[in-house]
Structures are given as structure tokens and as C-alpha cells.
N, C-alpha and C. Protein backbone atom coordinates (compact mmCIF):
# COMPACT_ATOMS: atom_id res chain seq x y z
N UNK A 1 -6.11 -15.44 12.38
CA UNK A 1 -6.38 -16.85 12.50
C UNK A 1 -5.40 -17.66 11.69
N UNK A 2 -4.83 -17.13 10.63
CA UNK A 2 -3.96 -17.94 9.80
C UNK A 2 -2.58 -17.29 9.70
N UNK A 3 -1.57 -18.13 9.55
CA UNK A 3 -0.21 -17.65 9.31
C UNK A 3 -0.04 -17.50 7.81
N UNK A 4 1.07 -16.89 7.37
CA UNK A 4 1.27 -16.71 5.92
C UNK A 4 1.26 -18.04 5.15
N UNK A 5 1.68 -19.13 5.79
CA UNK A 5 1.72 -20.43 5.11
C UNK A 5 0.35 -21.11 5.08
N UNK A 6 -0.59 -20.60 5.83
CA UNK A 6 -1.91 -21.22 5.91
C UNK A 6 -2.94 -20.34 5.21
N UNK A 7 -3.91 -21.01 4.61
CA UNK A 7 -5.06 -20.30 4.10
C UNK A 7 -6.11 -20.31 5.21
N UNK A 8 -7.16 -19.51 5.09
CA UNK A 8 -8.24 -19.60 6.08
C UNK A 8 -8.86 -21.00 6.11
N UNK A 9 -8.84 -21.68 4.98
CA UNK A 9 -9.45 -23.02 4.90
C UNK A 9 -8.60 -24.06 5.61
N UNK A 10 -7.27 -23.99 5.44
CA UNK A 10 -6.42 -24.95 6.14
C UNK A 10 -6.41 -24.69 7.63
N UNK A 11 -6.48 -23.42 8.02
CA UNK A 11 -6.54 -23.09 9.45
C UNK A 11 -7.86 -23.59 10.06
N UNK A 12 -8.96 -23.41 9.33
CA UNK A 12 -10.25 -23.89 9.81
C UNK A 12 -10.23 -25.41 9.96
N UNK A 13 -9.72 -26.08 8.94
CA UNK A 13 -9.66 -27.55 9.00
C UNK A 13 -8.83 -28.01 10.19
N UNK A 14 -7.68 -27.38 10.42
CA UNK A 14 -6.83 -27.76 11.54
C UNK A 14 -7.58 -27.59 12.87
N UNK A 15 -8.28 -26.48 13.03
CA UNK A 15 -9.03 -26.24 14.28
C UNK A 15 -10.20 -27.20 14.39
N UNK A 16 -10.89 -27.45 13.29
CA UNK A 16 -12.01 -28.39 13.28
C UNK A 16 -11.55 -29.77 13.74
N UNK A 17 -10.44 -30.24 13.18
CA UNK A 17 -9.90 -31.54 13.56
C UNK A 17 -9.44 -31.55 15.02
N UNK A 18 -8.84 -30.46 15.47
CA UNK A 18 -8.35 -30.37 16.85
C UNK A 18 -9.51 -30.42 17.84
N UNK A 19 -10.60 -29.72 17.52
CA UNK A 19 -11.72 -29.60 18.45
C UNK A 19 -12.69 -30.78 18.34
N UNK A 20 -13.04 -31.17 17.12
CA UNK A 20 -14.10 -32.17 16.94
C UNK A 20 -13.66 -33.47 16.28
N UNK A 21 -12.40 -33.57 15.89
CA UNK A 21 -11.93 -34.77 15.21
C UNK A 21 -12.11 -36.03 16.04
N UNK A 22 -11.71 -36.01 17.30
CA UNK A 22 -11.84 -37.20 18.14
C UNK A 22 -13.29 -37.58 18.40
N UNK A 23 -14.17 -36.64 18.74
CA UNK A 23 -15.57 -37.04 18.92
C UNK A 23 -16.18 -37.64 17.65
N UNK A 24 -15.87 -37.07 16.49
CA UNK A 24 -16.39 -37.64 15.26
C UNK A 24 -15.84 -39.04 15.03
N UNK A 25 -14.55 -39.22 15.23
CA UNK A 25 -13.95 -40.54 15.04
C UNK A 25 -14.56 -41.56 16.00
N UNK A 26 -14.77 -41.16 17.24
CA UNK A 26 -15.36 -42.07 18.23
C UNK A 26 -16.77 -42.47 17.85
N UNK A 27 -17.48 -41.59 17.14
CA UNK A 27 -18.85 -41.88 16.70
C UNK A 27 -18.88 -42.60 15.36
N UNK A 28 -17.72 -42.90 14.79
CA UNK A 28 -17.67 -43.65 13.54
C UNK A 28 -17.66 -42.81 12.28
N UNK A 29 -17.47 -41.51 12.41
CA UNK A 29 -17.43 -40.61 11.25
C UNK A 29 -15.99 -40.40 10.81
N UNK A 30 -15.81 -40.15 9.52
CA UNK A 30 -14.49 -39.78 9.02
C UNK A 30 -14.62 -38.55 8.14
N UNK A 31 -13.59 -37.72 8.18
CA UNK A 31 -13.57 -36.52 7.35
C UNK A 31 -13.30 -36.95 5.91
N UNK A 32 -14.18 -36.56 5.01
CA UNK A 32 -14.04 -36.90 3.61
C UNK A 32 -12.94 -36.05 2.98
N UNK A 33 -11.98 -36.72 2.36
CA UNK A 33 -10.87 -36.02 1.71
C UNK A 33 -11.31 -35.61 0.31
N UNK A 34 -11.61 -34.35 0.14
CA UNK A 34 -12.01 -33.81 -1.15
C UNK A 34 -11.40 -32.42 -1.27
N UNK A 35 -10.26 -32.35 -1.95
CA UNK A 35 -9.51 -31.10 -2.03
C UNK A 35 -10.33 -29.95 -2.61
N UNK A 36 -11.16 -30.24 -3.60
CA UNK A 36 -11.98 -29.18 -4.20
C UNK A 36 -12.97 -28.63 -3.17
N UNK A 37 -13.62 -29.51 -2.43
CA UNK A 37 -14.53 -29.05 -1.38
C UNK A 37 -13.77 -28.24 -0.34
N UNK A 38 -12.62 -28.74 0.10
CA UNK A 38 -11.86 -28.06 1.15
C UNK A 38 -11.39 -26.68 0.69
N UNK A 39 -11.00 -26.55 -0.57
CA UNK A 39 -10.57 -25.25 -1.10
C UNK A 39 -11.74 -24.26 -1.16
N UNK A 40 -12.96 -24.78 -1.12
CA UNK A 40 -14.16 -23.92 -1.13
C UNK A 40 -14.75 -23.77 0.27
N UNK A 41 -14.09 -24.35 1.27
CA UNK A 41 -14.54 -24.19 2.64
C UNK A 41 -15.58 -25.20 3.08
N UNK A 42 -15.72 -26.32 2.37
CA UNK A 42 -16.70 -27.35 2.75
C UNK A 42 -15.96 -28.56 3.30
N UNK A 43 -16.29 -28.91 4.55
CA UNK A 43 -15.66 -30.04 5.24
C UNK A 43 -16.76 -30.97 5.73
N UNK A 44 -16.76 -32.20 5.21
CA UNK A 44 -17.86 -33.12 5.49
C UNK A 44 -17.35 -34.38 6.19
N UNK A 45 -17.96 -34.65 7.34
CA UNK A 45 -17.75 -35.91 8.05
C UNK A 45 -18.87 -36.85 7.63
N UNK A 46 -18.53 -38.10 7.37
CA UNK A 46 -19.52 -39.05 6.87
C UNK A 46 -19.38 -40.39 7.58
N UNK A 47 -20.52 -41.07 7.67
CA UNK A 47 -20.58 -42.39 8.29
C UNK A 47 -21.61 -43.22 7.53
N UNK A 48 -21.29 -44.49 7.30
CA UNK A 48 -22.23 -45.41 6.66
C UNK A 48 -22.97 -46.18 7.74
N UNK A 49 -24.29 -46.23 7.65
CA UNK A 49 -25.09 -47.02 8.57
C UNK A 49 -25.19 -48.45 8.06
N UNK A 50 -25.65 -49.36 8.90
CA UNK A 50 -25.73 -50.78 8.55
C UNK A 50 -26.57 -51.03 7.30
N UNK A 51 -27.60 -50.21 7.06
CA UNK A 51 -28.47 -50.41 5.90
C UNK A 51 -27.93 -49.77 4.62
N UNK A 52 -26.72 -49.21 4.67
CA UNK A 52 -26.12 -48.59 3.50
C UNK A 52 -26.39 -47.10 3.37
N UNK A 53 -27.25 -46.57 4.21
CA UNK A 53 -27.52 -45.14 4.21
C UNK A 53 -26.27 -44.41 4.70
N UNK A 54 -25.98 -43.30 4.09
CA UNK A 54 -24.86 -42.46 4.51
C UNK A 54 -25.40 -41.28 5.28
N UNK A 55 -24.79 -40.97 6.40
CA UNK A 55 -25.17 -39.77 7.15
C UNK A 55 -23.94 -38.88 7.24
N UNK A 56 -24.18 -37.59 7.23
CA UNK A 56 -23.06 -36.67 7.23
C UNK A 56 -23.34 -35.38 7.95
N UNK A 57 -22.26 -34.81 8.45
CA UNK A 57 -22.28 -33.49 9.07
C UNK A 57 -21.26 -32.66 8.30
N UNK A 58 -21.71 -31.55 7.73
CA UNK A 58 -20.82 -30.71 6.93
C UNK A 58 -20.69 -29.33 7.57
N UNK A 59 -19.51 -28.78 7.45
CA UNK A 59 -19.20 -27.43 7.92
C UNK A 59 -18.89 -26.61 6.68
N UNK A 60 -19.59 -25.48 6.52
CA UNK A 60 -19.35 -24.58 5.39
C UNK A 60 -18.77 -23.29 5.94
N UNK A 61 -17.53 -22.99 5.58
CA UNK A 61 -16.82 -21.82 6.06
C UNK A 61 -16.92 -20.67 5.08
N UNK A 62 -17.17 -19.48 5.59
CA UNK A 62 -17.08 -18.24 4.80
C UNK A 62 -16.07 -17.34 5.51
N UNK A 63 -14.83 -17.31 5.04
CA UNK A 63 -13.81 -16.46 5.68
C UNK A 63 -13.88 -15.03 5.15
N UNK A 64 -13.41 -14.10 5.97
CA UNK A 64 -13.33 -12.70 5.57
C UNK A 64 -11.87 -12.27 5.50
N UNK A 65 -11.59 -11.22 4.78
CA UNK A 65 -10.22 -10.76 4.55
C UNK A 65 -9.52 -10.38 5.85
N UNK A 66 -10.25 -9.97 6.86
CA UNK A 66 -9.62 -9.55 8.12
C UNK A 66 -9.28 -10.72 9.04
N UNK A 67 -9.49 -11.96 8.59
CA UNK A 67 -9.18 -13.13 9.41
C UNK A 67 -10.35 -13.67 10.19
N UNK A 68 -11.43 -12.94 10.23
CA UNK A 68 -12.64 -13.43 10.89
C UNK A 68 -13.41 -14.31 9.91
N UNK A 69 -14.54 -14.78 10.33
CA UNK A 69 -15.36 -15.58 9.43
C UNK A 69 -16.60 -16.08 10.12
N UNK A 70 -17.29 -16.93 9.42
CA UNK A 70 -18.47 -17.58 9.96
C UNK A 70 -18.60 -18.94 9.30
N UNK A 71 -19.32 -19.83 9.96
CA UNK A 71 -19.57 -21.14 9.38
C UNK A 71 -20.97 -21.59 9.75
N UNK A 72 -21.49 -22.47 8.92
CA UNK A 72 -22.76 -23.10 9.21
C UNK A 72 -22.53 -24.61 9.26
N UNK A 73 -23.49 -25.31 9.85
CA UNK A 73 -23.43 -26.76 9.95
C UNK A 73 -24.65 -27.34 9.25
N UNK A 74 -24.40 -28.33 8.39
CA UNK A 74 -25.47 -29.00 7.66
C UNK A 74 -25.50 -30.47 8.06
N UNK A 75 -26.71 -31.01 8.20
CA UNK A 75 -26.87 -32.44 8.46
C UNK A 75 -27.49 -33.06 7.21
N UNK A 76 -27.03 -34.28 6.90
CA UNK A 76 -27.42 -34.87 5.61
C UNK A 76 -27.61 -36.37 5.74
N UNK A 77 -28.61 -36.86 5.06
CA UNK A 77 -28.85 -38.30 4.93
C UNK A 77 -28.93 -38.58 3.43
N UNK A 78 -28.22 -39.64 2.99
CA UNK A 78 -28.21 -39.95 1.57
C UNK A 78 -27.97 -41.43 1.34
N UNK A 79 -28.15 -41.82 0.11
CA UNK A 79 -27.71 -43.13 -0.36
C UNK A 79 -26.55 -42.83 -1.30
N UNK A 80 -25.84 -43.85 -1.76
CA UNK A 80 -24.77 -43.56 -2.73
C UNK A 80 -25.30 -42.89 -4.00
N UNK A 81 -26.58 -43.07 -4.29
CA UNK A 81 -27.16 -42.52 -5.53
C UNK A 81 -27.79 -41.15 -5.37
N UNK A 82 -28.33 -40.83 -4.19
CA UNK A 82 -29.07 -39.58 -4.07
C UNK A 82 -29.09 -39.05 -2.64
N UNK A 83 -29.27 -37.73 -2.55
CA UNK A 83 -29.45 -37.09 -1.25
C UNK A 83 -30.91 -37.24 -0.85
N UNK A 84 -31.15 -37.79 0.34
CA UNK A 84 -32.51 -37.95 0.83
C UNK A 84 -32.99 -36.67 1.50
N UNK A 85 -32.11 -36.06 2.28
CA UNK A 85 -32.40 -34.71 2.79
C UNK A 85 -31.11 -34.08 3.28
N UNK A 86 -31.10 -32.75 3.25
CA UNK A 86 -30.01 -31.97 3.81
C UNK A 86 -30.62 -30.69 4.36
N UNK A 87 -30.26 -30.37 5.58
CA UNK A 87 -30.82 -29.21 6.25
C UNK A 87 -29.75 -28.64 7.18
N UNK A 88 -29.82 -27.35 7.44
CA UNK A 88 -28.88 -26.77 8.40
C UNK A 88 -29.25 -27.25 9.81
N UNK A 89 -28.23 -27.37 10.65
CA UNK A 89 -28.48 -27.79 12.03
C UNK A 89 -29.42 -26.83 12.75
N UNK A 90 -29.25 -25.51 12.63
CA UNK A 90 -30.21 -24.62 13.29
C UNK A 90 -31.65 -24.82 12.81
N UNK A 91 -31.83 -25.03 11.52
CA UNK A 91 -33.19 -25.25 11.00
C UNK A 91 -33.75 -26.56 11.55
N UNK A 92 -32.93 -27.61 11.64
CA UNK A 92 -33.36 -28.87 12.24
C UNK A 92 -33.80 -28.64 13.68
N UNK A 93 -33.01 -27.88 14.42
CA UNK A 93 -33.37 -27.60 15.82
C UNK A 93 -34.68 -26.83 15.91
N UNK A 94 -34.82 -25.77 15.11
CA UNK A 94 -36.02 -24.94 15.16
C UNK A 94 -37.26 -25.67 14.67
N UNK A 95 -37.18 -26.30 13.51
CA UNK A 95 -38.38 -26.81 12.86
C UNK A 95 -38.72 -28.25 13.23
N UNK A 96 -37.75 -29.04 13.59
CA UNK A 96 -38.01 -30.44 13.93
C UNK A 96 -38.14 -30.65 15.42
N UNK A 97 -37.26 -29.99 16.18
CA UNK A 97 -37.24 -30.21 17.63
C UNK A 97 -37.81 -29.05 18.44
N UNK A 98 -38.22 -27.97 17.78
CA UNK A 98 -38.78 -26.80 18.45
C UNK A 98 -37.82 -26.24 19.50
N UNK A 99 -36.53 -26.25 19.17
CA UNK A 99 -35.49 -25.72 20.04
C UNK A 99 -34.98 -24.44 19.39
N UNK A 100 -35.23 -23.30 20.05
CA UNK A 100 -34.88 -22.00 19.48
C UNK A 100 -33.64 -21.42 20.16
N UNK A 101 -32.71 -22.26 20.52
CA UNK A 101 -31.53 -21.85 21.28
C UNK A 101 -30.60 -20.92 20.51
N UNK A 102 -30.54 -21.02 19.20
CA UNK A 102 -29.55 -20.28 18.43
C UNK A 102 -30.02 -18.93 17.90
N UNK A 103 -31.21 -18.51 18.22
CA UNK A 103 -31.67 -17.20 17.82
C UNK A 103 -32.46 -17.16 16.53
N UNK A 104 -32.10 -18.01 15.55
CA UNK A 104 -32.87 -18.09 14.32
C UNK A 104 -32.52 -19.38 13.59
N UNK A 105 -33.43 -19.84 12.71
CA UNK A 105 -33.11 -21.04 11.94
C UNK A 105 -32.06 -20.79 10.86
N UNK A 106 -31.64 -19.54 10.69
CA UNK A 106 -30.62 -19.17 9.71
C UNK A 106 -29.28 -18.89 10.38
N UNK A 107 -29.08 -19.37 11.58
CA UNK A 107 -27.89 -19.08 12.38
C UNK A 107 -26.60 -19.54 11.71
N UNK A 108 -25.58 -18.69 11.77
CA UNK A 108 -24.21 -19.02 11.40
C UNK A 108 -23.34 -18.71 12.62
N UNK A 109 -22.39 -19.57 12.91
CA UNK A 109 -21.46 -19.32 14.01
C UNK A 109 -20.40 -18.35 13.50
N UNK A 110 -20.19 -17.24 14.24
CA UNK A 110 -19.24 -16.23 13.82
C UNK A 110 -18.03 -16.23 14.75
N UNK A 111 -16.88 -15.83 14.21
CA UNK A 111 -15.65 -15.76 15.00
C UNK A 111 -14.74 -14.69 14.44
N UNK A 112 -13.93 -14.12 15.33
CA UNK A 112 -12.93 -13.12 14.93
C UNK A 112 -11.51 -13.63 15.14
N UNK A 113 -11.35 -14.58 16.05
CA UNK A 113 -10.02 -15.10 16.38
C UNK A 113 -10.07 -16.63 16.41
N UNK A 114 -8.90 -17.24 16.47
CA UNK A 114 -8.82 -18.70 16.58
C UNK A 114 -9.47 -19.17 17.87
N UNK A 115 -9.30 -18.40 18.93
CA UNK A 115 -9.92 -18.74 20.23
C UNK A 115 -11.45 -18.76 20.10
N UNK A 116 -12.02 -17.74 19.46
CA UNK A 116 -13.47 -17.69 19.26
C UNK A 116 -13.93 -18.82 18.34
N UNK A 117 -13.13 -19.16 17.33
CA UNK A 117 -13.48 -20.27 16.45
C UNK A 117 -13.56 -21.57 17.25
N UNK A 118 -12.59 -21.80 18.12
CA UNK A 118 -12.60 -23.03 18.94
C UNK A 118 -13.86 -23.10 19.78
N UNK A 119 -14.24 -22.00 20.42
CA UNK A 119 -15.45 -21.99 21.24
C UNK A 119 -16.70 -22.19 20.38
N UNK A 120 -16.74 -21.60 19.19
CA UNK A 120 -17.89 -21.77 18.30
C UNK A 120 -18.01 -23.23 17.87
N UNK A 121 -16.88 -23.88 17.58
CA UNK A 121 -16.92 -25.30 17.21
C UNK A 121 -17.37 -26.17 18.36
N UNK A 122 -16.96 -25.83 19.58
CA UNK A 122 -17.43 -26.58 20.75
C UNK A 122 -18.94 -26.44 20.89
N UNK A 123 -19.45 -25.20 20.76
CA UNK A 123 -20.90 -24.97 20.85
C UNK A 123 -21.65 -25.76 19.78
N UNK A 124 -21.17 -25.70 18.54
CA UNK A 124 -21.80 -26.44 17.46
C UNK A 124 -21.71 -27.93 17.71
N UNK A 125 -20.56 -28.40 18.18
CA UNK A 125 -20.36 -29.81 18.45
C UNK A 125 -21.34 -30.36 19.48
N UNK A 126 -21.61 -29.60 20.52
CA UNK A 126 -22.57 -30.04 21.53
C UNK A 126 -23.94 -30.28 20.89
N UNK A 127 -24.36 -29.39 20.02
CA UNK A 127 -25.66 -29.53 19.37
C UNK A 127 -25.66 -30.64 18.32
N UNK A 128 -24.53 -30.79 17.64
CA UNK A 128 -24.41 -31.88 16.66
C UNK A 128 -24.61 -33.22 17.34
N UNK A 129 -23.92 -33.43 18.47
CA UNK A 129 -23.97 -34.74 19.13
C UNK A 129 -25.20 -34.92 20.02
N UNK A 130 -25.85 -33.82 20.40
CA UNK A 130 -27.08 -33.93 21.18
C UNK A 130 -28.30 -34.15 20.29
N UNK A 131 -28.30 -33.54 19.10
CA UNK A 131 -29.47 -33.59 18.22
C UNK A 131 -29.17 -34.17 16.84
N UNK A 132 -28.17 -33.62 16.16
CA UNK A 132 -27.94 -33.98 14.76
C UNK A 132 -27.60 -35.44 14.54
N UNK A 133 -26.58 -35.93 15.22
CA UNK A 133 -26.17 -37.32 15.02
C UNK A 133 -27.25 -38.30 15.45
N UNK A 134 -27.83 -38.15 16.65
CA UNK A 134 -28.89 -39.10 17.02
C UNK A 134 -30.09 -39.07 16.07
N UNK A 135 -30.43 -37.89 15.57
CA UNK A 135 -31.52 -37.78 14.60
C UNK A 135 -31.17 -38.52 13.32
N UNK A 136 -29.97 -38.32 12.80
CA UNK A 136 -29.54 -38.99 11.57
C UNK A 136 -29.46 -40.50 11.76
N UNK A 137 -29.03 -40.94 12.93
CA UNK A 137 -28.92 -42.38 13.19
C UNK A 137 -30.26 -43.02 13.50
N UNK A 138 -31.30 -42.21 13.71
CA UNK A 138 -32.62 -42.76 14.00
C UNK A 138 -32.87 -43.10 15.46
N UNK A 139 -32.00 -42.60 16.35
CA UNK A 139 -32.17 -42.90 17.78
C UNK A 139 -32.84 -41.75 18.54
N UNK A 140 -33.10 -40.63 17.85
CA UNK A 140 -33.77 -39.50 18.47
C UNK A 140 -34.89 -39.02 17.55
N UNK A 141 -36.10 -39.12 18.04
CA UNK A 141 -37.26 -38.67 17.27
C UNK A 141 -37.72 -37.32 17.79
N UNK A 142 -38.32 -36.50 16.93
CA UNK A 142 -38.82 -35.19 17.37
C UNK A 142 -39.90 -35.33 18.43
């Protein structure tokens, strides 16, 4: 997945931006620039709502030495002072919407190649924009 000049984290970020950057931008989200988070595999898109509440979608990458890896998706609502809630997208689907599509509320998207990573991000993106974002924005109730 990565060339000698890339780390697994920079390769993941590049693919994340390639696959989901435009949909996030169109929905008003921006990728938070935090080098420490990115070096640890945490990539967070954030958007401020009209009432000052911040909503976010975070991707947590766990790379393996063989170039494969897995990632999870977290949805978050906060104020500038405190986190109101944070939950994984699969848990939100299972426990809030009674959607058991991913096999378990502890689901992580796994990949062995860049091609598989792209498809995993597309799959996650569909669920993010069908459930996660509307739930965070208050336009989708369980």
C-alpha cells in the first residue's frame, strides 16, 4: 500500500482524501490538520453547526507490517469545551438504528491492498452519509 517515501498513515490519508474528500467537503466538513493525530493514524473531519455544536467523523487506522491494515469509523458530537458523545459507526448502526449490516457492533474495515482500502472507504462512506452525518445533524432520528 505504501512506497518507501510514504508511511502507512500518509498513504491512508491520501486514499481517504481521494475517495471521500469531495463528499465531505460538499457536506461542509473539513479534515482537521493535526500532525500528532495523523502520525497516530487518527483522521478527523469536522463541521460546525449553526448552534455552535461540532460534529465529526473520525477514521482510526491500525496498519500492519505487511502493508495491510484495518480502520474504524467514529461519529462524534461536541462543543468547544466537551465531548457530548462519541461512538463507533457500527455501534450506532446496531444500537441506535437496529441495522446489523456489518456483522457486529465492533466491526473494523480490513484491507490488504490499496484497491481493497478504496472499496472499504467507499463502503464506510455510504454508511457515514446514509446514517452518521444525518444523525449528527439531527435530520435522521432512530
